[in-house]
Amino acid sequence: RNEMGQEGSKVRSYMFGCIADQLPKVEN
C-alpha cells in the first residue's frame, strides 16, 4: 500500500488471491 502511494508507482491496485476452501487449524 505504501509503495502504491509513491509518485511514479506503476501499480494502482492489487488483486489479492486467497485460496480459502480447506480446513483451518483448530485455533483458527
mmCIF file of all heavy atoms, coordinates in Angstrom:
data_MODEL
# 
_entry.id   MODEL 
# 
loop_
_atom_site.group_PDB 
_atom_site.id 
_atom_site.type_symbol 
_atom_site.label_atom_id 
_atom_site.label_alt_id 
_atom_site.label_comp_id 
_atom_site.label_asym_id 
_atom_site.label_entity_id 
_atom_site.label_seq_id 
_atom_site.pdbx_PDB_ins_code 
_atom_site.Cartn_x 
_atom_site.Cartn_y 
_atom_site.Cartn_z 
_atom_site.occupancy 
_atom_site.B_iso_or_equiv 
_atom_site.pdbx_formal_charge 
_atom_site.auth_seq_id 
_atom_site.auth_comp_id 
_atom_site.auth_asym_id 
_atom_site.auth_atom_id 
_atom_site.pdbx_PDB_model_num 
ATOM 1   N N   . ARG A 1 1  ? 0.836   -1.205  0.000   1.00 0.00 ? 1  ARG A N   1 
ATOM 2   C CA  . ARG A 1 1  ? 0.000   0.000   0.000   1.00 0.00 ? 1  ARG A CA  1 
ATOM 3   C C   . ARG A 1 1  ? 0.872   1.258   0.000   1.00 0.00 ? 1  ARG A C   1 
ATOM 4   O O   . ARG A 1 1  ? 0.592   2.222   -0.717  1.00 0.00 ? 1  ARG A O   1 
ATOM 5   C CB  . ARG A 1 1  ? -0.924  -0.003  1.213   1.00 0.00 ? 1  ARG A CB  1 
ATOM 6   C CG  . ARG A 1 1  ? -1.716  1.291   1.373   1.00 0.00 ? 1  ARG A CG  1 
ATOM 7   C CD  . ARG A 1 1  ? -2.593  1.247   2.610   1.00 0.00 ? 1  ARG A CD  1 
ATOM 8   N NE  . ARG A 1 1  ? -3.834  0.528   2.346   1.00 0.00 ? 1  ARG A NE  1 
ATOM 9   C CZ  . ARG A 1 1  ? -4.755  0.271   3.271   1.00 0.00 ? 1  ARG A CZ  1 
ATOM 10  N NH1 . ARG A 1 1  ? -4.553  0.634   4.533   1.00 0.00 ? 1  ARG A NH1 1 
ATOM 11  N NH2 . ARG A 1 1  ? -5.877  -0.356  2.949   1.00 0.00 ? 1  ARG A NH2 1 
ATOM 12  N N   . ASN A 1 2  ? 1.928   1.240   0.780   1.00 0.00 ? 2  ASN A N   1 
ATOM 13  C CA  . ASN A 1 2  ? 2.841   2.381   0.830   1.00 0.00 ? 2  ASN A CA  1 
ATOM 14  C C   . ASN A 1 2  ? 3.513   2.601   -0.525  1.00 0.00 ? 2  ASN A C   1 
ATOM 15  O O   . ASN A 1 2  ? 3.651   3.744   -0.988  1.00 0.00 ? 2  ASN A O   1 
ATOM 16  C CB  . ASN A 1 2  ? 3.897   2.147   1.907   1.00 0.00 ? 2  ASN A CB  1 
ATOM 17  C CG  . ASN A 1 2  ? 4.859   3.319   2.028   1.00 0.00 ? 2  ASN A CG  1 
ATOM 18  O OD1 . ASN A 1 2  ? 4.464   4.453   2.299   1.00 0.00 ? 2  ASN A OD1 1 
ATOM 19  N ND2 . ASN A 1 2  ? 6.148   3.049   1.826   1.00 0.00 ? 2  ASN A ND2 1 
ATOM 20  N N   . GLU A 1 3  ? 3.918   1.518   -1.180  1.00 0.00 ? 3  GLU A N   1 
ATOM 21  C CA  . GLU A 1 3  ? 4.553   1.630   -2.492  1.00 0.00 ? 3  GLU A CA  1 
ATOM 22  C C   . GLU A 1 3  ? 3.592   2.201   -3.524  1.00 0.00 ? 3  GLU A C   1 
ATOM 23  O O   . GLU A 1 3  ? 3.988   2.998   -4.390  1.00 0.00 ? 3  GLU A O   1 
ATOM 24  C CB  . GLU A 1 3  ? 5.050   0.256   -2.940  1.00 0.00 ? 3  GLU A CB  1 
ATOM 25  C CG  . GLU A 1 3  ? 6.213   -0.272  -2.120  1.00 0.00 ? 3  GLU A CG  1 
ATOM 26  C CD  . GLU A 1 3  ? 6.532   -1.727  -2.434  1.00 0.00 ? 3  GLU A CD  1 
ATOM 27  O OE1 . GLU A 1 3  ? 5.983   -2.241  -3.439  1.00 0.00 ? 3  GLU A OE1 1 
ATOM 28  O OE2 . GLU A 1 3  ? 7.306   -2.345  -1.687  1.00 0.00 ? 3  GLU A OE2 1 
ATOM 29  N N   . MET A 1 4  ? 2.316   1.797   -3.457  1.00 0.00 ? 4  MET A N   1 
ATOM 30  C CA  . MET A 1 4  ? 1.325   2.328   -4.403  1.00 0.00 ? 4  MET A CA  1 
ATOM 31  C C   . MET A 1 4  ? 1.129   3.823   -4.231  1.00 0.00 ? 4  MET A C   1 
ATOM 32  O O   . MET A 1 4  ? 0.797   4.532   -5.179  1.00 0.00 ? 4  MET A O   1 
ATOM 33  C CB  . MET A 1 4  ? -0.012  1.597   -4.213  1.00 0.00 ? 4  MET A CB  1 
ATOM 34  C CG  . MET A 1 4  ? -0.064  0.233   -4.858  1.00 0.00 ? 4  MET A CG  1 
ATOM 35  S SD  . MET A 1 4  ? -1.721  -0.484  -4.764  1.00 0.00 ? 4  MET A SD  1 
ATOM 36  C CE  . MET A 1 4  ? -1.802  -0.999  -3.051  1.00 0.00 ? 4  MET A CE  1 
ATOM 37  N N   . GLY A 1 5  ? 1.332   4.329   -3.022  1.00 0.00 ? 5  GLY A N   1 
ATOM 38  C CA  . GLY A 1 5  ? 1.123   5.748   -2.750  1.00 0.00 ? 5  GLY A CA  1 
ATOM 39  C C   . GLY A 1 5  ? 2.270   6.634   -3.185  1.00 0.00 ? 5  GLY A C   1 
ATOM 40  O O   . GLY A 1 5  ? 2.157   7.865   -3.140  1.00 0.00 ? 5  GLY A O   1 
ATOM 41  N N   . GLN A 1 6  ? 3.365   6.019   -3.606  1.00 0.00 ? 6  GLN A N   1 
ATOM 42  C CA  . GLN A 1 6  ? 4.529   6.814   -4.009  1.00 0.00 ? 6  GLN A CA  1 
ATOM 43  C C   . GLN A 1 6  ? 4.399   7.300   -5.443  1.00 0.00 ? 6  GLN A C   1 
ATOM 44  O O   . GLN A 1 6  ? 3.816   6.634   -6.300  1.00 0.00 ? 6  GLN A O   1 
ATOM 45  C CB  . GLN A 1 6  ? 5.798   5.982   -3.835  1.00 0.00 ? 6  GLN A CB  1 
ATOM 46  C CG  . GLN A 1 6  ? 6.110   5.610   -2.391  1.00 0.00 ? 6  GLN A CG  1 
ATOM 47  C CD  . GLN A 1 6  ? 7.334   4.739   -2.257  1.00 0.00 ? 6  GLN A CD  1 
ATOM 48  O OE1 . GLN A 1 6  ? 8.016   4.449   -3.231  1.00 0.00 ? 6  GLN A OE1 1 
ATOM 49  N NE2 . GLN A 1 6  ? 7.620   4.304   -1.030  1.00 0.00 ? 6  GLN A NE2 1 
ATOM 50  N N   . GLU A 1 7  ? 4.967   8.462   -5.699  1.00 0.00 ? 7  GLU A N   1 
ATOM 51  C CA  . GLU A 1 7  ? 4.910   9.053   -7.031  1.00 0.00 ? 7  GLU A CA  1 
ATOM 52  C C   . GLU A 1 7  ? 5.623   8.147   -8.036  1.00 0.00 ? 7  GLU A C   1 
ATOM 53  O O   . GLU A 1 7  ? 6.696   7.619   -7.769  1.00 0.00 ? 7  GLU A O   1 
ATOM 54  C CB  . GLU A 1 7  ? 5.574   10.430  -7.017  1.00 0.00 ? 7  GLU A CB  1 
ATOM 55  C CG  . GLU A 1 7  ? 5.448   11.182  -8.327  1.00 0.00 ? 7  GLU A CG  1 
ATOM 56  C CD  . GLU A 1 7  ? 6.036   12.580  -8.244  1.00 0.00 ? 7  GLU A CD  1 
ATOM 57  O OE1 . GLU A 1 7  ? 6.384   13.012  -7.130  1.00 0.00 ? 7  GLU A OE1 1 
ATOM 58  O OE2 . GLU A 1 7  ? 6.151   13.227  -9.300  1.00 0.00 ? 7  GLU A OE2 1 
ATOM 59  N N   . GLY A 1 8  ? 5.003   7.959   -9.180  1.00 0.00 ? 8  GLY A N   1 
ATOM 60  C CA  . GLY A 1 8  ? 5.597   7.138   -10.222 1.00 0.00 ? 8  GLY A CA  1 
ATOM 61  C C   . GLY A 1 8  ? 5.318   5.650   -10.112 1.00 0.00 ? 8  GLY A C   1 
ATOM 62  O O   . GLY A 1 8  ? 5.848   4.855   -10.890 1.00 0.00 ? 8  GLY A O   1 
ATOM 63  N N   . SER A 1 9  ? 4.494   5.246   -9.151  1.00 0.00 ? 9  SER A N   1 
ATOM 64  C CA  . SER A 1 9  ? 4.181   3.830   -8.998  1.00 0.00 ? 9  SER A CA  1 
ATOM 65  C C   . SER A 1 9  ? 3.488   3.306   -10.253 1.00 0.00 ? 9  SER A C   1 
ATOM 66  O O   . SER A 1 9  ? 2.590   3.950   -10.795 1.00 0.00 ? 9  SER A O   1 
ATOM 67  C CB  . SER A 1 9  ? 3.280   3.613   -7.774  1.00 0.00 ? 9  SER A CB  1 
ATOM 68  O OG  . SER A 1 9  ? 2.844   2.274   -7.723  1.00 0.00 ? 9  SER A OG  1 
ATOM 69  N N   . LYS A 1 10 ? 3.899   2.133   -10.698 1.00 0.00 ? 10 LYS A N   1 
ATOM 70  C CA  . LYS A 1 10 ? 3.303   1.523   -11.884 1.00 0.00 ? 10 LYS A CA  1 
ATOM 71  C C   . LYS A 1 10 ? 2.039   0.731   -11.556 1.00 0.00 ? 10 LYS A C   1 
ATOM 72  O O   . LYS A 1 10 ? 1.353   0.251   -12.453 1.00 0.00 ? 10 LYS A O   1 
ATOM 73  C CB  . LYS A 1 10 ? 4.330   0.606   -12.563 1.00 0.00 ? 10 LYS A CB  1 
ATOM 74  C CG  . LYS A 1 10 ? 5.536   1.346   -13.123 1.00 0.00 ? 10 LYS A CG  1 
ATOM 75  C CD  . LYS A 1 10 ? 6.499   0.380   -13.806 1.00 0.00 ? 10 LYS A CD  1 
ATOM 76  C CE  . LYS A 1 10 ? 7.693   1.116   -14.369 1.00 0.00 ? 10 LYS A CE  1 
ATOM 77  N NZ  . LYS A 1 10 ? 8.651   0.195   -15.044 1.00 0.00 ? 10 LYS A NZ  1 
ATOM 78  N N   . VAL A 1 11 ? 1.749   0.572   -10.262 1.00 0.00 ? 11 VAL A N   1 
ATOM 79  C CA  . VAL A 1 11 ? 0.599   -0.215  -9.824  1.00 0.00 ? 11 VAL A CA  1 
ATOM 80  C C   . VAL A 1 11 ? -0.336  0.669   -9.016  1.00 0.00 ? 11 VAL A C   1 
ATOM 81  O O   . VAL A 1 11 ? 0.088   1.369   -8.101  1.00 0.00 ? 11 VAL A O   1 
ATOM 82  C CB  . VAL A 1 11 ? 1.051   -1.421  -8.969  1.00 0.00 ? 11 VAL A CB  1 
ATOM 83  C CG1 . VAL A 1 11 ? -0.149  -2.179  -8.433  1.00 0.00 ? 11 VAL A CG1 1 
ATOM 84  C CG2 . VAL A 1 11 ? 1.947   -2.346  -9.787  1.00 0.00 ? 11 VAL A CG2 1 
ATOM 85  N N   . ARG A 1 12 ? -1.628  0.651   -9.361  1.00 0.00 ? 12 ARG A N   1 
ATOM 86  C CA  . ARG A 1 12 ? -2.605  1.465   -8.634  1.00 0.00 ? 12 ARG A CA  1 
ATOM 87  C C   . ARG A 1 12 ? -3.463  0.630   -7.696  1.00 0.00 ? 12 ARG A C   1 
ATOM 88  O O   . ARG A 1 12 ? -4.158  1.167   -6.819  1.00 0.00 ? 12 ARG A O   1 
ATOM 89  C CB  . ARG A 1 12 ? -3.511  2.210   -9.604  1.00 0.00 ? 12 ARG A CB  1 
ATOM 90  C CG  . ARG A 1 12 ? -4.312  1.293   -10.525 1.00 0.00 ? 12 ARG A CG  1 
ATOM 91  C CD  . ARG A 1 12 ? -5.355  2.052   -11.296 1.00 0.00 ? 12 ARG A CD  1 
ATOM 92  N NE  . ARG A 1 12 ? -6.020  1.227   -12.297 1.00 0.00 ? 12 ARG A NE  1 
ATOM 93  C CZ  . ARG A 1 12 ? -7.228  1.479   -12.767 1.00 0.00 ? 12 ARG A CZ  1 
ATOM 94  N NH1 . ARG A 1 12 ? -7.911  2.509   -12.325 1.00 0.00 ? 12 ARG A NH1 1 
ATOM 95  N NH2 . ARG A 1 12 ? -7.752  0.699   -13.686 1.00 0.00 ? 12 ARG A NH2 1 
ATOM 96  N N   . SER A 1 13 ? -3.458  -0.704  -7.893  1.00 0.00 ? 13 SER A N   1 
ATOM 97  C CA  . SER A 1 13 ? -4.281  -1.588  -7.086  1.00 0.00 ? 13 SER A CA  1 
ATOM 98  C C   . SER A 1 13 ? -3.729  -3.001  -7.230  1.00 0.00 ? 13 SER A C   1 
ATOM 99  O O   . SER A 1 13 ? -2.945  -3.276  -8.148  1.00 0.00 ? 13 SER A O   1 
ATOM 100 C CB  . SER A 1 13 ? -5.740  -1.536  -7.551  1.00 0.00 ? 13 SER A CB  1 
ATOM 101 O OG  . SER A 1 13 ? -6.568  -2.357  -6.742  1.00 0.00 ? 13 SER A OG  1 
ATOM 102 N N   . TYR A 1 14 ? -4.115  -3.875  -6.307  1.00 0.00 ? 14 TYR A N   1 
ATOM 103 C CA  . TYR A 1 14 ? -3.677  -5.271  -6.364  1.00 0.00 ? 14 TYR A CA  1 
ATOM 104 C C   . TYR A 1 14 ? -4.875  -6.209  -6.272  1.00 0.00 ? 14 TYR A C   1 
ATOM 105 O O   . TYR A 1 14 ? -5.785  -5.988  -5.477  1.00 0.00 ? 14 TYR A O   1 
ATOM 106 C CB  . TYR A 1 14 ? -2.735  -5.605  -5.204  1.00 0.00 ? 14 TYR A CB  1 
ATOM 107 C CG  . TYR A 1 14 ? -1.284  -5.273  -5.455  1.00 0.00 ? 14 TYR A CG  1 
ATOM 108 C CD1 . TYR A 1 14 ? -0.757  -4.041  -5.070  1.00 0.00 ? 14 TYR A CD1 1 
ATOM 109 C CD2 . TYR A 1 14 ? -0.420  -6.184  -6.071  1.00 0.00 ? 14 TYR A CD2 1 
ATOM 110 C CE1 . TYR A 1 14 ? 0.572   -3.723  -5.288  1.00 0.00 ? 14 TYR A CE1 1 
ATOM 111 C CE2 . TYR A 1 14 ? 0.910   -5.884  -6.290  1.00 0.00 ? 14 TYR A CE2 1 
ATOM 112 C CZ  . TYR A 1 14 ? 1.403   -4.658  -5.899  1.00 0.00 ? 14 TYR A CZ  1 
ATOM 113 O OH  . TYR A 1 14 ? 2.728   -4.348  -6.118  1.00 0.00 ? 14 TYR A OH  1 
ATOM 114 N N   . MET A 1 15 ? -4.831  -7.266  -7.075  1.00 0.00 ? 15 MET A N   1 
ATOM 115 C CA  . MET A 1 15 ? -5.731  -8.388  -6.894  1.00 0.00 ? 15 MET A CA  1 
ATOM 116 C C   . MET A 1 15 ? -5.066  -9.309  -5.881  1.00 0.00 ? 15 MET A C   1 
ATOM 117 O O   . MET A 1 15 ? -3.952  -9.802  -6.105  1.00 0.00 ? 15 MET A O   1 
ATOM 118 C CB  . MET A 1 15 ? -5.957  -9.123  -8.215  1.00 0.00 ? 15 MET A CB  1 
ATOM 119 C CG  . MET A 1 15 ? -7.046  -10.155 -8.169  1.00 0.00 ? 15 MET A CG  1 
ATOM 120 S SD  . MET A 1 15 ? -8.711  -9.455  -8.241  1.00 0.00 ? 15 MET A SD  1 
ATOM 121 C CE  . MET A 1 15 ? -8.914  -9.248  -10.027 1.00 0.00 ? 15 MET A CE  1 
ATOM 122 N N   . PHE A 1 16 ? -5.719  -9.520  -4.748  1.00 0.00 ? 16 PHE A N   1 
ATOM 123 C CA  . PHE A 1 16 ? -5.149  -10.262 -3.636  1.00 0.00 ? 16 PHE A CA  1 
ATOM 124 C C   . PHE A 1 16 ? -5.786  -11.649 -3.596  1.00 0.00 ? 16 PHE A C   1 
ATOM 125 O O   . PHE A 1 16 ? -6.929  -11.813 -3.185  1.00 0.00 ? 16 PHE A O   1 
ATOM 126 C CB  . PHE A 1 16 ? -5.409  -9.490  -2.343  1.00 0.00 ? 16 PHE A CB  1 
ATOM 127 C CG  . PHE A 1 16 ? -4.974  -10.159 -1.084  1.00 0.00 ? 16 PHE A CG  1 
ATOM 128 C CD1 . PHE A 1 16 ? -3.675  -10.602 -0.921  1.00 0.00 ? 16 PHE A CD1 1 
ATOM 129 C CD2 . PHE A 1 16 ? -5.875  -10.341 -0.042  1.00 0.00 ? 16 PHE A CD2 1 
ATOM 130 C CE1 . PHE A 1 16 ? -3.274  -11.210 0.258   1.00 0.00 ? 16 PHE A CE1 1 
ATOM 131 C CE2 . PHE A 1 16 ? -5.486  -10.945 1.150   1.00 0.00 ? 16 PHE A CE2 1 
ATOM 132 C CZ  . PHE A 1 16 ? -4.185  -11.388 1.296   1.00 0.00 ? 16 PHE A CZ  1 
ATOM 133 N N   . GLY A 1 17 ? -5.057  -12.672 -4.065  1.00 0.00 ? 17 GLY A N   1 
ATOM 134 C CA  . GLY A 1 17 ? -5.617  -14.010 -4.188  1.00 0.00 ? 17 GLY A CA  1 
ATOM 135 C C   . GLY A 1 17 ? -5.617  -14.775 -2.882  1.00 0.00 ? 17 GLY A C   1 
ATOM 136 O O   . GLY A 1 17 ? -4.588  -14.874 -2.208  1.00 0.00 ? 17 GLY A O   1 
ATOM 137 N N   . CYS A 1 18 ? -6.773  -15.324 -2.514  1.00 0.00 ? 18 CYS A N   1 
ATOM 138 C CA  . CYS A 1 18 ? -6.926  -16.086 -1.271  1.00 0.00 ? 18 CYS A CA  1 
ATOM 139 C C   . CYS A 1 18 ? -7.593  -17.424 -1.570  1.00 0.00 ? 18 CYS A C   1 
ATOM 140 O O   . CYS A 1 18 ? -8.773  -17.458 -1.936  1.00 0.00 ? 18 CYS A O   1 
ATOM 141 C CB  . CYS A 1 18 ? -7.766  -15.312 -0.260  1.00 0.00 ? 18 CYS A CB  1 
ATOM 142 S SG  . CYS A 1 18 ? -7.069  -13.731 0.248   1.00 0.00 ? 18 CYS A SG  1 
ATOM 143 N N   . ILE A 1 19 ? -6.857  -18.526 -1.414  1.00 0.00 ? 19 ILE A N   1 
ATOM 144 C CA  . ILE A 1 19 ? -7.448  -19.859 -1.534  1.00 0.00 ? 19 ILE A CA  1 
ATOM 145 C C   . ILE A 1 19 ? -7.995  -20.230 -0.169  1.00 0.00 ? 19 ILE A C   1 
ATOM 146 O O   . ILE A 1 19 ? -7.237  -20.364 0.795   1.00 0.00 ? 19 ILE A O   1 
ATOM 147 C CB  . ILE A 1 19 ? -6.409  -20.879 -2.019  1.00 0.00 ? 19 ILE A CB  1 
ATOM 148 C CG1 . ILE A 1 19 ? -5.922  -20.506 -3.425  1.00 0.00 ? 19 ILE A CG1 1 
ATOM 149 C CG2 . ILE A 1 19 ? -6.995  -22.284 -2.014  1.00 0.00 ? 19 ILE A CG2 1 
ATOM 150 C CD1 . ILE A 1 19 ? -4.900  -21.461 -3.995  1.00 0.00 ? 19 ILE A CD1 1 
ATOM 151 N N   . ALA A 1 20 ? -9.297  -20.408 -0.072  1.00 0.00 ? 20 ALA A N   1 
ATOM 152 C CA  . ALA A 1 20 ? -9.938  -20.458 1.253   1.00 0.00 ? 20 ALA A CA  1 
ATOM 153 C C   . ALA A 1 20 ? -10.919 -21.608 1.421   1.00 0.00 ? 20 ALA A C   1 
ATOM 154 O O   . ALA A 1 20 ? -11.860 -21.516 2.197   1.00 0.00 ? 20 ALA A O   1 
ATOM 155 C CB  . ALA A 1 20 ? -10.650 -19.129 1.513   1.00 0.00 ? 20 ALA A CB  1 
ATOM 156 N N   . ASP A 1 21 ? -10.688 -22.727 0.729   1.00 0.00 ? 21 ASP A N   1 
ATOM 157 C CA  . ASP A 1 21 ? -11.684 -23.797 0.769   1.00 0.00 ? 21 ASP A CA  1 
ATOM 158 C C   . ASP A 1 21 ? -11.322 -24.963 1.684   1.00 0.00 ? 21 ASP A C   1 
ATOM 159 O O   . ASP A 1 21 ? -12.136 -25.863 1.867   1.00 0.00 ? 21 ASP A O   1 
ATOM 160 C CB  . ASP A 1 21 ? -11.911 -24.346 -0.644  1.00 0.00 ? 21 ASP A CB  1 
ATOM 161 C CG  . ASP A 1 21 ? -10.632 -24.905 -1.262  1.00 0.00 ? 21 ASP A CG  1 
ATOM 162 O OD1 . ASP A 1 21 ? -9.588  -24.231 -1.167  1.00 0.00 ? 21 ASP A OD1 1 
ATOM 163 O OD2 . ASP A 1 21 ? -10.671 -26.007 -1.838  1.00 0.00 ? 21 ASP A OD2 1 
ATOM 164 N N   . GLN A 1 22 ? -10.118 -24.964 2.273   1.00 0.00 ? 22 GLN A N   1 
ATOM 165 C CA  . GLN A 1 22 ? -9.725  -26.142 3.031   1.00 0.00 ? 22 GLN A CA  1 
ATOM 166 C C   . GLN A 1 22 ? -9.832  -25.936 4.540   1.00 0.00 ? 22 GLN A C   1 
ATOM 167 O O   . GLN A 1 22 ? -10.283 -24.899 5.013   1.00 0.00 ? 22 GLN A O   1 
ATOM 168 C CB  . GLN A 1 22 ? -8.331  -26.584 2.604   1.00 0.00 ? 22 GLN A CB  1 
ATOM 169 C CG  . GLN A 1 22 ? -8.344  -27.051 1.139   1.00 0.00 ? 22 GLN A CG  1 
ATOM 170 C CD  . GLN A 1 22 ? -7.192  -27.937 0.769   1.00 0.00 ? 22 GLN A CD  1 
ATOM 171 O OE1 . GLN A 1 22 ? -6.070  -27.696 1.164   1.00 0.00 ? 22 GLN A OE1 1 
ATOM 172 N NE2 . GLN A 1 22 ? -7.466  -28.980 -0.001  1.00 0.00 ? 22 GLN A NE2 1 
ATOM 173 N N   . LEU A 1 23 ? -9.426  -26.950 5.281   1.00 0.00 ? 23 LEU A N   1 
ATOM 174 C CA  . LEU A 1 23 ? -9.678  -26.997 6.720   1.00 0.00 ? 23 LEU A CA  1 
ATOM 175 C C   . LEU A 1 23 ? -8.715  -26.100 7.489   1.00 0.00 ? 23 LEU A C   1 
ATOM 176 O O   . LEU A 1 23 ? -7.500  -26.274 7.402   1.00 0.00 ? 23 LEU A O   1 
ATOM 177 C CB  . LEU A 1 23 ? -9.530  -28.446 7.209   1.00 0.00 ? 23 LEU A CB  1 
ATOM 178 C CG  . LEU A 1 23 ? -9.788  -28.717 8.682   1.00 0.00 ? 23 LEU A CG  1 
ATOM 179 C CD1 . LEU A 1 23 ? -11.250 -28.463 9.015   1.00 0.00 ? 23 LEU A CD1 1 
ATOM 180 C CD2 . LEU A 1 23 ? -9.403  -30.150 9.024   1.00 0.00 ? 23 LEU A CD2 1 
ATOM 181 N N   . PRO A 1 24 ? -9.239  -25.138 8.261   1.00 0.00 ? 24 PRO A N   1 
ATOM 182 C CA  . PRO A 1 24 ? -8.350  -24.302 9.080   1.00 0.00 ? 24 PRO A CA  1 
ATOM 183 C C   . PRO A 1 24 ? -7.832  -25.062 10.291  1.00 0.00 ? 24 PRO A C   1 
ATOM 184 O O   . PRO A 1 24 ? -8.409  -26.070 10.705  1.00 0.00 ? 24 PRO A O   1 
ATOM 185 C CB  . PRO A 1 24 ? -9.262  -23.144 9.510   1.00 0.00 ? 24 PRO A CB  1 
ATOM 186 C CG  . PRO A 1 24 ? -10.633 -23.708 9.473   1.00 0.00 ? 24 PRO A CG  1 
ATOM 187 C CD  . PRO A 1 24 ? -10.643 -24.741 8.378   1.00 0.00 ? 24 PRO A CD  1 
ATOM 188 N N   . LYS A 1 25 ? -6.737  -24.563 10.867  1.00 0.00 ? 25 LYS A N   1 
ATOM 189 C CA  . LYS A 1 25 ? -6.229  -25.149 12.103  1.00 0.00 ? 25 LYS A CA  1 
ATOM 190 C C   . LYS A 1 25 ? -7.245  -24.931 13.221  1.00 0.00 ? 25 LYS A C   1 
ATOM 191 O O   . LYS A 1 25 ? -8.065  -24.020 13.169  1.00 0.00 ? 25 LYS A O   1 
ATOM 192 C CB  . LYS A 1 25 ? -4.886  -24.523 12.469  1.00 0.00 ? 25 LYS A CB  1 
ATOM 193 C CG  . LYS A 1 25 ? -3.767  -24.850 11.485  1.00 0.00 ? 25 LYS A CG  1 
ATOM 194 C CD  . LYS A 1 25 ? -2.462  -24.214 11.920  1.00 0.00 ? 25 LYS A CD  1 
ATOM 195 C CE  . LYS A 1 25 ? -1.336  -24.565 10.952  1.00 0.00 ? 25 LYS A CE  1 
ATOM 196 N NZ  . LYS A 1 25 ? -0.047  -23.939 11.350  1.00 0.00 ? 25 LYS A NZ  1 
ATOM 197 N N   . VAL A 1 26 ? -7.141  -25.755 14.251  1.00 0.00 ? 26 VAL A N   1 
ATOM 198 C CA  . VAL A 1 26 ? -8.112  -25.707 15.353  1.00 0.00 ? 26 VAL A CA  1 
ATOM 199 C C   . VAL A 1 26 ? -8.224  -24.309 15.930  1.00 0.00 ? 26 VAL A C   1 
ATOM 200 O O   . VAL A 1 26 ? -9.329  -23.795 16.178  1.00 0.00 ? 26 VAL A O   1 
ATOM 201 C CB  . VAL A 1 26 ? -7.718  -26.713 16.459  1.00 0.00 ? 26 VAL A CB  1 
ATOM 202 C CG1 . VAL A 1 26 ? -8.608  -26.536 17.679  1.00 0.00 ? 26 VAL A CG1 1 
ATOM 203 C CG2 . VAL A 1 26 ? -7.809  -28.140 15.944  1.00 0.00 ? 26 VAL A CG2 1 
ATOM 204 N N   . GLU A 1 27 ? -7.076  -23.650 16.132  1.00 0.00 ? 27 GLU A N   1 
ATOM 205 C CA  . GLU A 1 27 ? -7.094  -22.325 16.757  1.00 0.00 ? 27 GLU A CA  1 
ATOM 206 C C   . GLU A 1 27 ? -7.678  -21.249 15.848  1.00 0.00 ? 27 GLU A C   1 
ATOM 207 O O   . GLU A 1 27 ? -7.993  -20.147 16.290  1.00 0.00 ? 27 GLU A O   1 
ATOM 208 C CB  . GLU A 1 27 ? -5.681  -21.914 17.188  1.00 0.00 ? 27 GLU A CB  1 
ATOM 209 C CG  . GLU A 1 27 ? -4.668  -21.778 16.059  1.00 0.00 ? 27 GLU A CG  1 
ATOM 210 C CD  . GLU A 1 27 ? -3.921  -23.072 15.759  1.00 0.00 ? 27 GLU A CD  1 
ATOM 211 O OE1 . GLU A 1 27 ? -4.456  -24.160 16.084  1.00 0.00 ? 27 GLU A OE1 1 
ATOM 212 O OE2 . GLU A 1 27 ? -2.818  -22.993 15.190  1.00 0.00 ? 27 GLU A OE2 1 
ATOM 213 N N   . ASN A 1 28 ? -7.847  -21.570 14.560  1.00 0.00 ? 28 ASN A N   1 
ATOM 214 C CA  . ASN A 1 28 ? -8.400  -20.595 13.613  1.00 0.00 ? 28 ASN A CA  1 
ATOM 215 C C   . ASN A 1 28 ? -9.840  -20.898 13.216  1.00 0.00 ? 28 ASN A C   1 
ATOM 216 O O   . ASN A 1 28 ? -10.358 -20.297 12.270  1.00 0.00 ? 28 ASN A O   1 
ATOM 217 C CB  . ASN A 1 28 ? -7.532  -20.533 12.352  1.00 0.00 ? 28 ASN A CB  1 
ATOM 218 C CG  . ASN A 1 28 ? -6.151  -19.976 12.628  1.00 0.00 ? 28 ASN A CG  1 
ATOM 219 O OD1 . ASN A 1 28 ? -5.999  -19.087 13.469  1.00 0.00 ? 28 ASN A OD1 1 
ATOM 220 N ND2 . ASN A 1 28 ? -5.138  -20.478 11.943  1.00 0.00 ? 28 ASN A ND2 1 
# 
